[in-house]
Amino acid sequence: MTPTSHPAPVPPAPGPERTPAAPDTGAAGVQYAALITLAGLLIAVVSLAFTNADIRGHVETALCRLFQLGESCETQGAQQYEPDACLLTSSTDRTNVGLTIAFVDLGKGYYLIREDYSDGTTHFTLGHEGEIGASAGWERTGGQGVSVEFQAEVGAAVGGGIGDTWVVDTDEADQLAGRFEDAIGVDEEEQDENFVDGVVEAAGDAWTAIVGADTSDFPPPHIRRTEGEVNVHAGASGGISTPSPGDERPTDRRPGSENAGDGPQDSTGAADGASGGGSGSGDPGSEGTTEDIGTQIADSLAEDVTPSASISGEIGATGSARIVREDYPDGAHSLTFLVSGRFDAGAEAELDPVIADAVGDEIGYTALRRGSLNIQYDPDGVMTGVTLTQIAVVNGEQIVTTTELAVETEGDRAVVEEWLGLRYERATELTWNDMAPSELTEDSSEFDRLLFEQARSSRVTYAVEETSEEALNESVEAGVGLGISAGTTGESVQLTGAEYLDRPGGGTREYTEWEDCS
C-alpha cells in the first residue's frame, strides 16, 4: 500500500515548535480513560475509607468536578438523599359485619384502598379481613331529679386478613377503580343484601368471601398481602340530664315579681292583649302596648335560661399489634411490624338556645400514634433494606415521618441486625421516636450514625377526614345476648406539605422543601 503523502511543512513561527496534532489524539484518549478509571477507584476508596459523611461528600464532589463542570456535582450529591416518591392522596372504604353472641364477638369485612403517588403510579389494594374476640361491659343508672347513666366496656380480639395489590399508571387508575367497584358490588342495595351473606359465610377464599367479589378477569396482582393482628380496647361513656320544664310556665325571674313560679301576670290584662285581643294592641305609642312588649321580652328571657340540659360524653382507647407479609412476583418479600394506639374523647350537649349559641353543642378530640418497622428481603432471604415510619394524628392532621435505609454491605447488615432485636419493641419505640436523626451526639449508636449518613428521611403532612355510617345495629336479650351490626367506614388523606432531610453538612442535616412531592 502506498504511504499517505503529507504536505510540505509550513515554516514555524518564531518560538517553540508545535507538536503535530494527529499522533496526540490517541494518547489523549488513553490518558482520559486512565483518569476516569483512577477517579472511579478513588471514589470507591473514599466511600469505604471515610466514615464521616461530611468529609466523604466533599471529596466525592471534588472528584466529580474533575470531569463535570457547573453545579451538577452538588445537585447529584443532594439528590441521593431525596426519596423517590411520596404519597399524594389515599382513600379507604371498608364494609364490616359484626355478630355478638353473649360475650363473644365475630366480625368480617372487606376493604378497598387507593393510593396515588408522586411518581405517577397508583396502588389499589383489595382485601378481606375477619376477627374473633370477647368483650365485657357494665352499665349503671340512677339519680333523683337528675338522671345519670354510665357504661364501660373492655375487650380483646385476634384477627387476620388477605389481600392483593395492583400497581398501575395513575392515568389508568380511574378505569380500574370502576372495575373494582363493580367487582365488590358498591351499589348500596346489593351491599345491604350481602350483609347477611357476609355473616353466614365466615371463611373462604378472599374473593368469594368478599361478598362474592370476582376478579378472575383482572391482571395478576403485583403484591400479595397476608396479615395478623391482636388488639385490645377499653371505653366508657356517660351522661347527665335534667328534666324538661313541661307545660308549666317558667319561673318569673324579674326583680320584684309577686308570682314567682306562676309566671308573670299583668293586672291590666296586657298579656292577653299581646296576643291580639287587648286594647291598644294596634297603637305602638300607647302605654298598654309598651307593657306588652316588656312582658314578652321578660317571659322570653325567663324561658331561655330555664335550666334544662342533657350532656353526654365518651372516651375510648385502643391498642393493637399487627404483622403484615407482602410477597412479590420475583420471590422477594417484606415483613412489617406495626404497633399503634388511639385515644378518642367527645362530648355532646343538648342545651337551651341561648347557652348553645354561647358555648356550642359538640366537642371532640382524637389522637393516634403508630410505629411501623418494615424489613425487605431478596429472593434468597437476605435483608436488603429497612423502612421506619412514625404516624401521628391529632384532630384531622396527620404527620408521617419515614426513614428508608438500603442495606448493601455485610458491615451495614450486621449493624442493622444488632439494632433490630425484638421487632415489636422497635416498632413500639417508633411511636415516640421518629428515628430520623438530624444530628449526632456522643450517645448516638452505630445504627443512628448509619441512618444519619446514608438514610433518606422525609416528613409529610396530610389532612385526614373520616366518615362512618351505621346501616344496622340490633340486639336481642333471649337468655343469651345476641347482636348484629353492619356499617361502612371511610378515610380520605390529602397531602398538605412535604420536606426531607438534606445531605449532611456541618455535622447536621436540615429539613428542606420536597418540591417533587406535590
Protein backbone atom coordinates (compact mmCIF):
# COMPACT_ATOMS: atom_id res chain seq x y z
CA MET A 1 0.00 0.00 0.00
CA THR A 2 1.35 3.41 -0.96
CA PRO A 3 2.17 5.51 2.07
CA THR A 4 -0.02 8.52 2.55
CA SER A 5 1.78 11.63 1.44
CA HIS A 6 1.88 14.67 3.71
CA PRO A 7 2.08 18.25 2.52
CA ALA A 8 5.31 20.08 2.95
CA PRO A 9 5.62 21.54 6.43
CA VAL A 10 4.90 25.18 6.85
CA PRO A 11 7.83 27.05 8.38
CA PRO A 12 7.06 27.55 12.05
CA ALA A 13 6.53 30.93 13.54
CA PRO A 14 9.19 32.21 15.86
CA GLY A 15 9.02 30.41 19.15
CA PRO A 16 8.73 26.77 20.29
CA GLU A 17 7.99 24.22 17.63
CA ARG A 18 4.37 22.94 17.65
CA THR A 19 3.73 19.25 18.17
CA PRO A 20 1.83 17.55 15.33
CA ALA A 21 -1.87 17.01 16.21
CA ALA A 22 -2.53 13.56 14.79
CA PRO A 23 -0.25 11.42 16.99
CA ASP A 24 -1.51 13.24 20.15
CA THR A 25 -5.17 12.37 19.61
CA GLY A 26 -4.84 8.72 20.58
CA ALA A 27 -2.68 9.48 23.58
CA ALA A 28 -5.20 11.95 24.95
CA GLY A 29 -8.00 9.34 24.73
CA VAL A 30 -5.93 6.76 26.61
CA GLN A 31 -4.98 9.29 29.27
CA TYR A 32 -8.58 10.40 29.67
CA ALA A 33 -9.73 6.80 30.11
CA ALA A 34 -6.99 6.25 32.66
CA LEU A 35 -8.10 9.30 34.60
CA ILE A 36 -11.68 8.10 34.62
CA THR A 37 -10.58 4.70 35.90
CA LEU A 38 -8.42 6.34 38.56
CA ALA A 39 -11.25 8.62 39.64
CA GLY A 40 -13.60 5.66 39.92
CA LEU A 41 -11.11 3.86 42.12
CA LEU A 42 -10.65 6.96 44.26
CA ILE A 43 -14.39 7.33 44.75
CA ALA A 44 -14.65 3.68 45.77
CA VAL A 45 -11.77 4.10 48.23
CA VAL A 46 -13.29 7.29 49.61
CA SER A 47 -16.66 5.63 50.12
CA LEU A 48 -15.05 2.81 52.07
CA ALA A 49 -12.39 4.75 53.91
CA PHE A 50 -14.23 7.84 55.08
CA THR A 51 -16.93 7.12 57.65
CA ASN A 52 -17.71 10.79 58.16
CA ALA A 53 -20.47 11.76 55.74
CA ASP A 54 -19.35 15.41 55.59
CA ILE A 55 -15.79 14.54 54.51
CA ARG A 56 -16.91 11.84 52.09
CA GLY A 57 -19.44 14.14 50.48
CA HIS A 58 -16.92 16.95 49.93
CA VAL A 59 -14.28 14.61 48.48
CA GLU A 60 -16.77 12.94 46.13
CA THR A 61 -17.94 16.36 44.93
CA ALA A 62 -14.34 17.47 44.30
CA LEU A 63 -13.64 14.33 42.27
CA CYS A 64 -16.84 14.83 40.33
CA ARG A 65 -15.72 18.33 39.41
CA LEU A 66 -12.59 16.93 37.76
CA PHE A 67 -14.79 15.66 34.94
CA GLN A 68 -18.01 17.71 35.17
CA LEU A 69 -18.27 21.47 35.10
CA GLY A 70 -21.03 23.50 36.71
CA GLU A 71 -23.13 22.86 39.81
CA SER A 72 -24.38 19.40 38.79
CA CYS A 73 -21.97 17.69 41.22
CA GLU A 74 -23.61 19.35 44.24
CA THR A 75 -27.03 18.57 42.81
CA GLN A 76 -26.17 14.90 42.36
CA GLY A 77 -24.87 14.72 45.93
CA ALA A 78 -28.08 16.20 47.32
CA GLN A 79 -30.36 14.03 45.18
CA GLN A 80 -29.10 10.81 46.74
CA TYR A 81 -30.88 11.86 49.96
CA GLU A 82 -34.19 12.78 48.31
CA PRO A 83 -36.75 9.93 48.48
CA ASP A 84 -38.00 8.51 45.20
CA ALA A 85 -41.74 9.14 45.65
CA CYS A 86 -44.33 10.20 48.18
CA LEU A 87 -47.99 9.50 48.77
CA LEU A 88 -50.17 12.33 47.45
CA THR A 89 -53.69 11.12 48.26
CA SER A 90 -55.36 7.97 49.51
CA SER A 91 -58.88 6.78 50.15
CA THR A 92 -60.02 3.76 52.13
CA ASP A 93 -63.50 2.25 52.09
CA ARG A 94 -64.45 -0.56 54.47
CA THR A 95 -67.61 -2.58 54.93
CA ASN A 96 -67.90 -4.60 58.13
CA VAL A 97 -70.42 -7.00 59.61
CA GLY A 98 -70.39 -7.98 63.28
CA LEU A 99 -72.15 -10.70 65.25
CA THR A 100 -72.20 -10.87 69.06
CA ILE A 101 -73.27 -13.98 70.99
CA ALA A 102 -73.12 -13.45 74.74
CA PHE A 103 -69.60 -12.04 75.24
CA VAL A 104 -68.12 -13.45 72.00
CA ASP A 105 -67.66 -11.06 69.08
CA LEU A 106 -67.31 -12.17 65.46
CA GLY A 107 -66.57 -9.81 62.62
CA LYS A 108 -65.70 -9.87 58.95
CA GLY A 109 -65.50 -7.37 56.15
CA TYR A 110 -63.66 -6.14 53.11
CA TYR A 111 -61.74 -3.03 52.17
CA LEU A 112 -60.58 -1.18 49.08
CA ILE A 113 -57.62 1.21 49.33
CA ARG A 114 -56.49 3.57 46.58
CA GLU A 115 -53.13 5.36 46.90
CA ASP A 116 -51.81 7.91 44.37
CA TYR A 117 -48.04 8.54 44.38
CA SER A 118 -45.91 11.39 43.06
CA ASP A 119 -44.08 9.11 40.59
CA GLY A 120 -47.25 8.71 38.51
CA THR A 121 -48.34 5.33 39.88
CA THR A 122 -51.47 4.31 41.74
CA HIS A 123 -51.79 1.34 44.09
CA PHE A 124 -55.10 -0.48 44.58
CA THR A 125 -55.38 -2.94 47.47
CA LEU A 126 -58.44 -5.15 47.76
CA GLY A 127 -58.65 -7.32 50.86
CA HIS A 128 -60.75 -9.40 53.19
CA GLU A 129 -60.42 -9.47 56.97
CA GLY A 130 -62.04 -11.18 59.92
CA GLU A 131 -61.68 -11.35 63.70
CA ILE A 132 -62.92 -13.12 66.79
CA GLY A 133 -62.84 -11.65 70.26
CA ALA A 134 -64.52 -11.24 73.61
CA SER A 135 -65.78 -8.23 75.49
CA ALA A 136 -67.47 -7.40 78.77
CA GLY A 137 -69.35 -4.33 79.89
CA TRP A 138 -71.07 -2.68 82.84
CA GLU A 139 -73.96 -0.27 82.99
CA ARG A 140 -75.28 1.86 85.86
CA THR A 141 -78.14 4.34 86.06
CA GLY A 142 -79.52 6.43 88.89
CA GLY A 143 -80.28 9.87 90.25
CA GLN A 144 -83.22 11.76 91.71
CA GLY A 145 -84.47 14.68 89.70
CA VAL A 146 -81.25 14.48 87.70
CA SER A 147 -80.73 11.35 85.55
CA VAL A 148 -77.25 9.85 85.46
CA GLU A 149 -76.07 6.99 83.20
CA PHE A 150 -72.68 5.28 82.93
CA GLN A 151 -71.37 2.43 80.75
CA ALA A 152 -67.95 0.84 80.47
CA GLU A 153 -66.51 -1.91 78.27
CA VAL A 154 -63.24 -3.75 77.78
CA GLY A 155 -62.38 -6.33 75.17
CA ALA A 156 -59.73 -8.06 73.10
CA ALA A 157 -59.68 -9.72 69.69
CA VAL A 158 -57.44 -11.54 67.26
CA GLY A 159 -57.86 -11.32 63.52
CA GLY A 160 -56.33 -11.86 60.14
CA GLY A 161 -56.69 -10.87 56.55
CA ILE A 162 -55.57 -11.47 53.00
CA GLY A 163 -55.42 -9.09 50.07
CA ASP A 164 -53.83 -8.22 46.75
CA THR A 165 -52.29 -5.01 45.43
CA TRP A 166 -52.21 -3.81 41.83
CA VAL A 167 -49.80 -1.06 40.70
CA VAL A 168 -50.92 0.90 37.63
CA ASP A 169 -50.25 4.22 35.94
CA THR A 170 -52.30 6.98 37.52
CA ASP A 171 -53.74 7.82 34.08
CA GLU A 172 -55.40 4.37 34.05
CA ALA A 173 -56.45 4.41 37.70
CA ASP A 174 -60.00 5.70 37.29
CA GLN A 175 -60.86 2.99 34.81
CA LEU A 176 -59.51 0.27 37.09
CA ALA A 177 -61.28 1.84 40.09
CA GLY A 178 -64.59 1.39 38.30
CA ARG A 179 -63.82 -2.28 37.72
CA PHE A 180 -63.03 -2.75 41.41
CA GLU A 181 -66.28 -1.10 42.45
CA ASP A 182 -68.19 -3.36 40.08
CA ALA A 183 -66.37 -6.42 41.41
CA ILE A 184 -67.19 -5.80 45.07
CA GLY A 185 -70.74 -4.57 44.48
CA VAL A 186 -70.54 -0.99 45.65
CA ASP A 187 -74.23 -0.48 44.86
CA GLU A 188 -75.88 0.18 48.24
CA GLU A 189 -78.85 -2.13 47.65
CA GLU A 190 -76.52 -5.00 46.76
CA GLN A 191 -74.41 -4.28 49.83
CA ASP A 192 -77.46 -4.46 52.12
CA GLU A 193 -78.43 -7.83 50.63
CA ASN A 194 -74.90 -9.14 51.01
CA PHE A 195 -74.53 -8.17 54.68
CA VAL A 196 -76.42 -11.28 55.77
CA ASP A 197 -74.37 -13.44 53.40
CA GLY A 198 -71.25 -11.96 54.93
CA VAL A 199 -72.27 -13.03 58.43
CA VAL A 200 -73.19 -16.57 57.37
CA GLU A 201 -70.07 -17.08 55.26
CA ALA A 202 -67.41 -16.91 57.95
CA ALA A 203 -64.46 -18.22 55.94
CA GLY A 204 -63.30 -18.81 52.41
CA ASP A 205 -61.17 -17.54 49.59
CA ALA A 206 -60.52 -13.79 49.59
CA TRP A 207 -62.65 -13.12 46.54
CA THR A 208 -65.63 -15.38 47.33
CA ALA A 209 -65.69 -14.14 50.92
CA ILE A 210 -65.76 -10.52 49.87
CA VAL A 211 -69.48 -10.60 49.20
CA GLY A 212 -68.97 -12.57 46.02
CA ALA A 213 -66.31 -10.33 44.50
CA ASP A 214 -65.00 -11.77 41.24
CA THR A 215 -61.56 -10.68 39.99
CA SER A 216 -60.91 -13.62 37.69
CA ASP A 217 -60.58 -11.32 34.67
CA PHE A 218 -58.16 -8.97 36.44
CA PRO A 219 -54.44 -9.00 35.64
CA PRO A 220 -52.25 -10.83 38.20
CA PRO A 221 -51.60 -8.67 41.28
CA HIS A 222 -48.17 -7.21 41.88
CA ILE A 223 -48.19 -7.82 45.64
CA ARG A 224 -49.91 -10.48 47.74
CA ARG A 225 -50.65 -9.50 51.31
CA THR A 226 -51.22 -11.60 54.45
CA GLU A 227 -51.66 -10.16 57.92
CA GLY A 228 -52.49 -10.99 61.52
CA GLU A 229 -53.49 -8.69 64.35
CA VAL A 230 -54.12 -8.59 68.09
CA ASN A 231 -55.94 -5.64 69.60
CA VAL A 232 -57.35 -4.59 72.95
CA HIS A 233 -59.80 -1.83 73.64
CA ALA A 234 -61.46 -0.08 76.55
CA GLY A 235 -64.08 2.60 76.65
CA ALA A 236 -66.51 4.42 78.87
CA SER A 237 -69.46 6.68 78.27
CA GLY A 238 -71.84 8.55 80.47
CA GLY A 239 -74.50 11.20 80.54
CA ILE A 240 -76.39 13.51 82.80
CA SER A 241 -79.68 15.22 82.09
CA THR A 242 -82.21 17.43 83.86
CA PRO A 243 -85.96 17.19 83.31
CA SER A 244 -87.68 19.48 80.84
CA PRO A 245 -89.92 22.19 82.33
CA GLY A 246 -93.03 20.57 80.81
CA ASP A 247 -96.14 22.57 80.18
CA GLU A 248 -95.89 24.79 83.29
CA ARG A 249 -94.89 28.41 82.83
CA PRO A 250 -91.25 29.03 83.78
CA THR A 251 -90.36 30.89 86.93
CA ASP A 252 -90.57 34.66 86.56
CA ARG A 253 -87.09 35.89 87.40
CA ARG A 254 -87.86 39.58 87.06
CA PRO A 255 -86.93 41.58 90.15
CA GLY A 256 -89.96 42.30 92.37
CA SER A 257 -92.22 39.65 90.90
CA GLU A 258 -95.07 38.71 93.22
CA ASN A 259 -95.95 35.48 91.41
CA ALA A 260 -92.68 33.54 91.32
CA GLY A 261 -93.34 30.10 89.97
CA ASP A 262 -96.75 31.01 88.45
CA GLY A 263 -95.44 33.02 85.55
CA PRO A 264 -95.65 36.79 85.06
CA GLN A 265 -99.12 38.34 85.30
CA ASP A 266 -100.38 41.78 84.37
CA SER A 267 -103.47 43.14 86.22
CA THR A 268 -104.37 45.26 83.24
CA GLY A 269 -104.69 42.21 81.00
CA ALA A 270 -101.77 43.27 78.85
CA ALA A 271 -100.64 39.68 78.48
CA ASP A 272 -103.84 38.84 76.67
CA GLY A 273 -103.58 41.98 74.59
CA ALA A 274 -100.16 40.90 73.40
CA SER A 275 -101.76 38.06 71.50
CA GLY A 276 -104.06 40.41 69.63
CA GLY A 277 -107.13 40.84 71.94
CA GLY A 278 -106.19 43.67 74.33
CA SER A 279 -106.85 47.38 73.99
CA GLY A 280 -104.16 49.41 72.29
CA SER A 281 -102.73 46.42 70.52
CA GLY A 282 -102.58 48.34 67.25
CA ASP A 283 -101.12 51.56 68.67
CA PRO A 284 -97.34 51.37 69.15
CA GLY A 285 -97.33 54.55 71.18
CA SER A 286 -99.90 53.53 73.80
CA GLU A 287 -98.93 52.68 77.36
CA GLY A 288 -100.57 49.24 77.17
CA THR A 289 -98.53 48.19 74.18
CA THR A 290 -95.26 49.16 75.90
CA GLU A 291 -96.14 46.91 78.80
CA ASP A 292 -97.00 44.08 76.39
CA ILE A 293 -93.58 44.26 74.75
CA GLY A 294 -91.77 44.38 78.10
CA THR A 295 -93.72 41.38 79.34
CA GLN A 296 -92.90 39.38 76.21
CA ILE A 297 -89.18 40.12 76.48
CA ALA A 298 -89.11 39.17 80.14
CA ASP A 299 -91.04 35.97 79.50
CA SER A 300 -88.71 35.01 76.67
CA LEU A 301 -85.63 35.66 78.77
CA ALA A 302 -87.06 33.65 81.64
CA GLU A 303 -87.76 30.72 79.31
CA ASP A 304 -84.35 30.83 77.65
CA VAL A 305 -82.41 30.47 80.88
CA THR A 306 -84.60 27.79 82.38
CA PRO A 307 -82.21 25.00 83.48
CA SER A 308 -82.96 22.20 81.00
CA ALA A 309 -80.00 20.32 79.53
CA SER A 310 -78.66 16.91 78.52
CA ILE A 311 -74.92 16.34 78.44
CA SER A 312 -73.18 13.14 77.38
CA GLY A 313 -69.57 12.17 76.82
CA GLU A 314 -67.39 9.22 75.97
CA ILE A 315 -63.76 8.21 75.97
CA GLY A 316 -62.08 5.24 74.36
CA ALA A 317 -58.64 3.79 73.92
CA THR A 318 -57.44 1.09 71.53
CA GLY A 319 -54.08 -0.60 71.23
CA SER A 320 -53.05 -3.06 68.55
CA ALA A 321 -50.07 -5.05 67.28
CA ARG A 322 -50.01 -6.30 63.72
CA ILE A 323 -47.70 -8.19 61.37
CA VAL A 324 -48.01 -7.96 57.59
CA ARG A 325 -46.19 -10.03 54.97
CA GLU A 326 -46.06 -8.88 51.35
CA ASP A 327 -44.84 -11.22 48.60
CA TYR A 328 -43.58 -10.07 45.19
CA PRO A 329 -43.50 -11.93 41.84
CA ASP A 330 -39.69 -12.23 41.80
CA GLY A 331 -39.66 -14.13 45.11
CA ALA A 332 -38.69 -11.17 47.29
CA HIS A 333 -40.83 -10.34 50.32
CA SER A 334 -41.13 -7.90 53.21
CA LEU A 335 -42.31 -8.11 56.82
CA THR A 336 -43.91 -5.17 58.58
CA PHE A 337 -44.37 -4.95 62.35
CA LEU A 338 -46.86 -2.31 63.49
CA VAL A 339 -47.83 -1.06 66.94
CA SER A 340 -50.48 1.61 67.34
CA GLY A 341 -52.51 3.34 70.00
CA ARG A 342 -55.56 5.54 69.59
CA PHE A 343 -57.45 7.76 72.03
CA ASP A 344 -60.84 9.30 71.39
CA ALA A 345 -62.86 11.64 73.56
CA GLY A 346 -66.02 13.55 72.85
CA ALA A 347 -68.91 15.34 74.46
CA GLU A 348 -72.30 16.40 73.18
CA ALA A 349 -74.84 18.65 74.79
CA GLU A 350 -78.46 19.48 74.10
CA LEU A 351 -78.86 22.91 75.62
CA ASP A 352 -81.33 25.75 75.52
CA PRO A 353 -80.70 28.08 72.57
CA VAL A 354 -79.04 30.91 74.49
CA ILE A 355 -76.47 28.62 76.14
CA ALA A 356 -75.92 26.53 73.00
CA ASP A 357 -75.12 29.63 70.95
CA ALA A 358 -72.60 30.73 73.57
CA VAL A 359 -70.67 27.52 74.20
CA GLY A 360 -71.51 25.22 71.27
CA ASP A 361 -73.10 21.81 71.44
CA GLU A 362 -70.36 19.33 70.50
CA ILE A 363 -66.62 18.89 71.06
CA GLY A 364 -64.23 16.07 70.24
CA TYR A 365 -60.60 15.04 70.37
CA THR A 366 -58.79 12.25 68.54
CA ALA A 367 -55.14 11.26 68.79
CA LEU A 368 -53.29 8.35 67.21
CA ARG A 369 -49.70 7.15 67.27
CA ARG A 370 -48.37 4.34 65.11
CA GLY A 371 -44.91 2.89 64.72
CA SER A 372 -44.07 0.73 61.71
CA LEU A 373 -40.93 -1.31 61.08
CA ASN A 374 -40.66 -2.71 57.55
CA ILE A 375 -37.85 -5.14 56.62
CA GLN A 376 -37.19 -6.08 52.99
CA TYR A 377 -35.64 -9.39 51.86
CA ASP A 378 -34.38 -10.60 48.47
CA PRO A 379 -35.47 -13.97 46.97
CA ASP A 380 -32.66 -15.68 48.94
CA GLY A 381 -33.93 -14.28 52.24
CA VAL A 382 -31.09 -11.77 52.65
CA MET A 383 -32.07 -8.44 54.18
CA THR A 384 -31.75 -5.61 51.66
CA GLY A 385 -33.30 -2.66 53.48
CA VAL A 386 -35.42 -1.31 56.31
CA THR A 387 -38.08 1.41 56.39
CA LEU A 388 -39.03 3.11 59.66
CA THR A 389 -42.31 5.03 59.81
CA GLN A 390 -43.99 7.06 62.51
CA ILE A 391 -47.57 8.29 62.08
CA ALA A 392 -49.03 10.89 64.42
CA VAL A 393 -52.61 12.12 64.05
CA VAL A 394 -54.26 14.84 66.11
CA ASN A 395 -57.74 16.07 65.21
CA GLY A 396 -57.52 15.51 61.49
CA GLU A 397 -53.87 16.47 60.91
CA GLN A 398 -51.53 13.59 60.12
CA ILE A 399 -47.73 13.76 60.20
CA VAL A 400 -45.84 10.87 58.60
CA THR A 401 -42.09 10.62 59.21
CA THR A 402 -40.37 7.97 57.09
CA THR A 403 -36.74 6.85 57.05
CA GLU A 404 -35.52 4.47 54.31
CA LEU A 405 -32.18 2.71 54.60
CA ALA A 406 -30.74 0.48 51.88
CA VAL A 407 -28.59 -2.31 53.37
CA GLU A 408 -25.90 -3.15 50.80
CA THR A 409 -22.85 -4.37 52.71
CA GLU A 410 -22.27 -7.10 55.27
CA GLY A 411 -21.00 -4.48 57.72
CA ASP A 412 -24.17 -2.42 57.47
CA ARG A 413 -26.27 -5.58 57.66
CA ALA A 414 -24.58 -6.58 60.92
CA VAL A 415 -25.27 -3.14 62.42
CA VAL A 416 -28.95 -3.26 61.43
CA GLU A 417 -29.43 -6.84 62.66
CA GLU A 418 -27.95 -5.92 66.04
CA TRP A 419 -30.28 -2.93 66.34
CA LEU A 420 -33.42 -4.81 65.30
CA GLY A 421 -33.52 -7.14 68.28
CA LEU A 422 -37.17 -7.68 69.20
CA ARG A 423 -39.11 -6.36 66.23
CA TYR A 424 -42.20 -5.23 68.14
CA GLU A 425 -40.05 -3.47 70.71
CA ARG A 426 -38.53 -1.37 67.92
CA ALA A 427 -41.95 -0.71 66.38
CA THR A 428 -43.17 0.47 69.79
CA GLU A 429 -40.16 2.78 70.10
CA LEU A 430 -41.14 4.38 66.79
CA THR A 431 -44.41 5.63 68.30
CA TRP A 432 -42.45 8.32 70.17
CA ASN A 433 -39.03 8.36 68.41
CA ASP A 434 -39.26 9.08 64.66
CA MET A 435 -35.74 7.66 64.02
CA ALA A 436 -34.83 10.44 61.58
CA PRO A 437 -31.62 11.82 63.15
CA SER A 438 -30.71 15.34 62.08
CA GLU A 439 -27.50 15.39 64.12
CA LEU A 440 -25.23 13.04 66.03
CA THR A 441 -24.38 13.16 69.73
CA GLU A 442 -21.95 11.35 71.99
CA ASP A 443 -24.73 8.87 72.82
CA SER A 444 -25.56 8.08 69.18
CA SER A 445 -25.37 4.38 68.36
CA GLU A 446 -23.81 2.81 65.28
CA PHE A 447 -27.29 2.45 63.85
CA ASP A 448 -28.04 6.14 64.46
CA ARG A 449 -24.82 7.02 62.66
CA LEU A 450 -25.77 4.78 59.76
CA LEU A 451 -29.15 6.49 59.43
CA PHE A 452 -27.60 9.94 59.67
CA GLU A 453 -25.02 9.25 56.98
CA GLN A 454 -26.94 7.12 54.49
CA ALA A 455 -30.72 7.06 55.07
CA ARG A 456 -33.40 9.02 53.25
CA SER A 457 -35.76 10.71 55.70
CA SER A 458 -38.91 12.67 54.95
CA ARG A 459 -41.68 14.38 56.92
CA VAL A 460 -45.02 14.75 55.15
CA THR A 461 -48.26 16.23 56.49
CA TYR A 462 -51.79 15.35 55.42
CA ALA A 463 -55.35 16.41 56.11
CA VAL A 464 -57.43 13.42 57.20
CA GLU A 465 -61.19 13.08 57.04
CA GLU A 466 -63.06 10.09 58.48
CA THR A 467 -66.62 9.03 57.76
CA SER A 468 -68.81 6.40 59.37
CA GLU A 469 -72.28 5.16 58.52
CA GLU A 470 -74.18 2.56 60.54
CA ALA A 471 -76.59 0.54 58.44
CA LEU A 472 -77.72 -1.94 61.09
CA ASN A 473 -77.38 -2.28 64.87
CA GLU A 474 -79.82 -4.61 66.57
CA SER A 475 -79.63 -6.63 69.80
CA VAL A 476 -81.92 -9.14 71.46
CA GLU A 477 -81.95 -10.48 75.01
CA ALA A 478 -83.20 -14.08 74.91
CA GLY A 479 -81.37 -15.70 77.77
CA VAL A 480 -78.17 -15.03 75.86
CA GLY A 481 -77.35 -11.65 74.39
CA LEU A 482 -77.46 -11.62 70.61
CA GLY A 483 -76.50 -8.68 68.45
CA ILE A 484 -75.79 -7.92 64.82
CA SER A 485 -74.28 -4.81 63.32
CA ALA A 486 -73.24 -3.64 59.88
CA GLY A 487 -71.82 -0.45 58.52
CA THR A 488 -69.28 1.31 56.39
CA THR A 489 -66.33 3.49 57.27
CA GLY A 490 -64.14 5.65 55.10
CA GLU A 491 -60.96 7.67 55.32
CA SER A 492 -59.51 10.17 52.88
CA VAL A 493 -55.99 11.59 53.09
CA GLN A 494 -54.79 14.69 51.20
CA LEU A 495 -51.21 15.98 51.07
CA THR A 496 -50.67 19.42 52.62
CA GLY A 497 -46.87 19.71 52.85
CA ALA A 498 -43.62 17.77 52.47
CA GLU A 499 -39.94 18.10 53.34
CA TYR A 500 -36.92 15.82 53.58
CA LEU A 501 -33.57 15.79 55.34
CA ASP A 502 -30.88 17.16 53.05
CA ARG A 503 -27.33 15.79 52.78
CA PRO A 504 -25.09 16.08 55.89
CA GLY A 505 -23.24 19.34 56.25
CA GLY A 506 -21.52 20.86 59.25
CA GLY A 507 -22.45 17.87 61.41
CA THR A 508 -26.18 18.28 60.86
CA ARG A 509 -28.90 17.53 58.34
CA GLU A 510 -31.57 20.14 57.77
CA TYR A 511 -35.11 19.66 56.51
CA THR A 512 -35.63 21.18 53.08
CA GLU A 513 -38.72 21.57 50.92
CA TRP A 514 -39.56 18.45 48.91
CA GLU A 515 -40.52 20.06 45.61
CA ASP A 516 -41.18 16.80 43.75
CA CYS A 517 -43.71 15.76 46.37
CA SER A 518 -46.62 17.89 45.23
